[in-house]
Amino acid sequence: MLVVVGCCVGAADQLLCSGEIRADQRRKALQLAVDELAPGGTLLVVAHDSTNLAEGYGGPQDPVLLYTPSDVVADLRGLPGLGVEKNERVLRQVQSPERERTAIDALVRVHRAP
């Protein structure tokens, strides 16, 4: 499930999208998030990266639900007035029952022009 935290259309200064969903659903959710984003606003997308399945710890085990920062940027390409500020994989330390492990997340931060 992708969670979009915000308010009403065109009025959100900051939005957070977090979660893992299929590509077609992700594109629709991101379009809705961008529609809610106010001029000058920031959209942050965070989810387990597709590399987390083989190289990281935890998260969904279905590759259909995972994506990369580049996938998100491609989903947003062509939407007017957006600039990508950050597009990267980030490492996050998590505690497993046995020891501390590393999860790999996709992180994208986008800014809408004022």
C-alpha atoms as a PDB file:
ATOM      1  CA  MET A   1       0.000   0.000   0.000  1.00  0.00           C
ATOM      2  CA  LEU A   2       1.267   3.484  -0.842  1.00  0.00           C
ATOM      3  CA  VAL A   3       0.357   6.065   1.770  1.00  0.00           C
ATOM      4  CA  VAL A   4       0.057   9.687   0.686  1.00  0.00           C
ATOM      5  CA  VAL A   5       0.031  12.146   3.564  1.00  0.00           C
ATOM      6  CA  GLY A   6      -1.260  15.580   2.617  1.00  0.00           C
ATOM      7  CA  CYS A   7      -4.404  17.685   2.449  1.00  0.00           C
ATOM      8  CA  CYS A   8      -6.503  19.143  -0.340  1.00  0.00           C
ATOM      9  CA  VAL A   9      -5.769  19.612  -4.056  1.00  0.00           C
ATOM     10  CA  GLY A  10      -3.042  22.127  -4.803  1.00  0.00           C
ATOM     11  CA  ALA A  11      -2.627  23.137  -1.174  1.00  0.00           C
ATOM     12  CA  ALA A  12      -0.006  20.821   0.346  1.00  0.00           C
ATOM     13  CA  ASP A  13       3.387  22.390   0.998  1.00  0.00           C
ATOM     14  CA  GLN A  14       4.893  19.012   1.865  1.00  0.00           C
ATOM     15  CA  LEU A  15       3.757  15.511   0.960  1.00  0.00           C
ATOM     16  CA  LEU A  16       5.147  12.132   1.926  1.00  0.00           C
ATOM     17  CA  CYS A  17       4.476   9.022  -0.165  1.00  0.00           C
ATOM     18  CA  SER A  18       5.630   5.843   1.460  1.00  0.00           C
ATOM     19  CA  GLY A  19       4.974   2.239   0.575  1.00  0.00           C
ATOM     20  CA  GLU A  20       5.301  -0.522  -1.931  1.00  0.00           C
ATOM     21  CA  ILE A  21       2.708  -1.079  -4.664  1.00  0.00           C
ATOM     22  CA  ARG A  22       2.552  -2.257  -8.279  1.00  0.00           C
ATOM     23  CA  ALA A  23       3.960   0.089 -10.915  1.00  0.00           C
ATOM     24  CA  ASP A  24       0.598   1.051 -12.446  1.00  0.00           C
ATOM     25  CA  GLN A  25      -0.847   1.887  -9.031  1.00  0.00           C
ATOM     26  CA  ARG A  26       2.309   3.782  -8.064  1.00  0.00           C
ATOM     27  CA  ARG A  27       2.069   5.993 -11.153  1.00  0.00           C
ATOM     28  CA  LYS A  28      -1.569   6.850 -10.352  1.00  0.00           C
ATOM     29  CA  ALA A  29      -0.769   7.549  -6.684  1.00  0.00           C
ATOM     30  CA  LEU A  30       2.156   9.786  -7.603  1.00  0.00           C
ATOM     31  CA  GLN A  31      -0.029  11.719 -10.055  1.00  0.00           C
ATOM     32  CA  LEU A  32      -2.578  12.272  -7.269  1.00  0.00           C
ATOM     33  CA  ALA A  33       0.183  13.388  -4.914  1.00  0.00           C
ATOM     34  CA  VAL A  34       1.526  15.864  -7.461  1.00  0.00           C
ATOM     35  CA  ASP A  35      -2.010  17.209  -7.963  1.00  0.00           C
ATOM     36  CA  GLU A  36      -2.134  17.959  -4.219  1.00  0.00           C
ATOM     37  CA  LEU A  37       1.258  19.637  -4.170  1.00  0.00           C
ATOM     38  CA  ALA A  38       1.173  23.433  -3.877  1.00  0.00           C
ATOM     39  CA  PRO A  39       3.485  25.667  -5.915  1.00  0.00           C
ATOM     40  CA  GLY A  40       6.838  25.661  -4.119  1.00  0.00           C
ATOM     41  CA  GLY A  41       5.920  22.411  -2.339  1.00  0.00           C
ATOM     42  CA  THR A  42       8.019  19.301  -1.780  1.00  0.00           C
ATOM     43  CA  LEU A  43       7.118  15.669  -2.441  1.00  0.00           C
ATOM     44  CA  LEU A  44       9.137  12.966  -0.684  1.00  0.00           C
ATOM     45  CA  VAL A  45       8.835   9.345  -1.843  1.00  0.00           C
ATOM     46  CA  VAL A  46      10.329   6.622   0.386  1.00  0.00           C
ATOM     47  CA  ALA A  47       9.993   2.845   0.075  1.00  0.00           C
ATOM     48  CA  HIS A  48      12.030  -0.334   0.136  1.00  0.00           C
ATOM     49  CA  ASP A  49      14.268  -0.348  -2.943  1.00  0.00           C
ATOM     50  CA  SER A  50      14.108  -3.264  -5.359  1.00  0.00           C
ATOM     51  CA  THR A  51      17.698  -4.171  -4.426  1.00  0.00           C
ATOM     52  CA  ASN A  52      16.550  -4.723  -0.846  1.00  0.00           C
ATOM     53  CA  LEU A  53      15.053  -8.061  -1.880  1.00  0.00           C
ATOM     54  CA  ALA A  54      18.458  -9.679  -2.536  1.00  0.00           C
ATOM     55  CA  GLU A  55      20.886  -7.335  -0.792  1.00  0.00           C
ATOM     56  CA  GLY A  56      18.984  -5.854   2.156  1.00  0.00           C
ATOM     57  CA  TYR A  57      16.850  -6.934   5.079  1.00  0.00           C
ATOM     58  CA  GLY A  58      13.087  -6.984   5.620  1.00  0.00           C
ATOM     59  CA  GLY A  59      10.421  -5.386   3.528  1.00  0.00           C
ATOM     60  CA  PRO A  60       8.133  -6.948   0.948  1.00  0.00           C
ATOM     61  CA  GLN A  61       9.371 -10.145  -0.644  1.00  0.00           C
ATOM     62  CA  ASP A  62       7.375  -9.690  -3.857  1.00  0.00           C
ATOM     63  CA  PRO A  63       9.545  -8.012  -6.530  1.00  0.00           C
ATOM     64  CA  VAL A  64       6.429  -6.622  -8.251  1.00  0.00           C
ATOM     65  CA  LEU A  65       5.929  -4.289  -5.271  1.00  0.00           C
ATOM     66  CA  LEU A  66       9.464  -2.926  -5.184  1.00  0.00           C
ATOM     67  CA  TYR A  67      10.999  -0.114  -7.216  1.00  0.00           C
ATOM     68  CA  THR A  68      14.023   2.133  -7.569  1.00  0.00           C
ATOM     69  CA  PRO A  69      14.467   5.896  -7.338  1.00  0.00           C
ATOM     70  CA  SER A  70      14.865   5.915 -11.135  1.00  0.00           C
ATOM     71  CA  ASP A  71      11.454   4.254 -11.473  1.00  0.00           C
ATOM     72  CA  VAL A  72       9.873   7.083  -9.478  1.00  0.00           C
ATOM     73  CA  VAL A  73      11.660   9.735 -11.542  1.00  0.00           C
ATOM     74  CA  ALA A  74      10.429   8.028 -14.714  1.00  0.00           C
ATOM     75  CA  ASP A  75       6.877   7.987 -13.303  1.00  0.00           C
ATOM     76  CA  LEU A  76       7.077  11.744 -12.709  1.00  0.00           C
ATOM     77  CA  ARG A  77       8.720  12.592 -16.036  1.00  0.00           C
ATOM     78  CA  GLY A  78       6.572  14.847 -18.131  1.00  0.00           C
ATOM     79  CA  LEU A  79       4.592  16.291 -15.237  1.00  0.00           C
ATOM     80  CA  PRO A  80       4.983  20.071 -15.494  1.00  0.00           C
ATOM     81  CA  GLY A  81       6.838  22.209 -12.983  1.00  0.00           C
ATOM     82  CA  LEU A  82       8.674  19.472 -11.097  1.00  0.00           C
ATOM     83  CA  GLY A  83      12.377  19.366 -10.308  1.00  0.00           C
ATOM     84  CA  VAL A  84      14.143  16.343  -8.847  1.00  0.00           C
ATOM     85  CA  GLU A  85      16.296  17.360  -5.867  1.00  0.00           C
ATOM     86  CA  LYS A  86      17.291  13.895  -4.674  1.00  0.00           C
ATOM     87  CA  ASN A  87      17.190  10.538  -6.425  1.00  0.00           C
ATOM     88  CA  GLU A  88      19.116   7.846  -4.561  1.00  0.00           C
ATOM     89  CA  ARG A  89      19.236   4.608  -2.645  1.00  0.00           C
ATOM     90  CA  VAL A  90      19.799   5.034   1.063  1.00  0.00           C
ATOM     91  CA  LEU A  91      20.844   2.515   3.694  1.00  0.00           C
ATOM     92  CA  ARG A  92      18.856   2.228   6.918  1.00  0.00           C
ATOM     93  CA  GLN A  93      19.885   0.221   9.963  1.00  0.00           C
ATOM     94  CA  VAL A  94      17.164  -2.026  11.415  1.00  0.00           C
ATOM     95  CA  GLN A  95      17.221  -4.423  14.323  1.00  0.00           C
ATOM     96  CA  SER A  96      16.475  -8.055  13.502  1.00  0.00           C
ATOM     97  CA  PRO A  97      15.882 -10.643  16.222  1.00  0.00           C
ATOM     98  CA  GLU A  98      19.501 -11.774  15.785  1.00  0.00           C
ATOM     99  CA  ARG A  99      21.421  -8.538  15.109  1.00  0.00           C
ATOM    100  CA  GLU A 100      21.411  -5.164  13.423  1.00  0.00           C
ATOM    101  CA  ARG A 101      20.853  -5.411   9.649  1.00  0.00           C
ATOM    102  CA  THR A 102      20.740  -3.019   6.706  1.00  0.00           C
ATOM    103  CA  ALA A 103      17.623  -2.212   4.692  1.00  0.00           C
ATOM    104  CA  ILE A 104      17.909  -0.443   1.342  1.00  0.00           C
ATOM    105  CA  ASP A 105      15.370   2.264   0.587  1.00  0.00           C
ATOM    106  CA  ALA A 106      14.484   4.242  -2.527  1.00  0.00           C
ATOM    107  CA  LEU A 107      14.387   7.972  -1.786  1.00  0.00           C
ATOM    108  CA  VAL A 108      13.188  10.688  -4.150  1.00  0.00           C
ATOM    109  CA  ARG A 109      12.614  14.331  -3.248  1.00  0.00           C
ATOM    110  CA  VAL A 110      10.839  16.517  -5.802  1.00  0.00           C
ATOM    111  CA  HIS A 111      10.108  20.243  -5.680  1.00  0.00           C
ATOM    112  CA  ARG A 112       7.272  21.950  -7.531  1.00  0.00           C
ATOM    113  CA  ALA A 113       8.148  25.305  -9.062  1.00  0.00           C
ATOM    114  CA  PRO A 114       6.573  28.322  -7.314  1.00  0.00           C
END
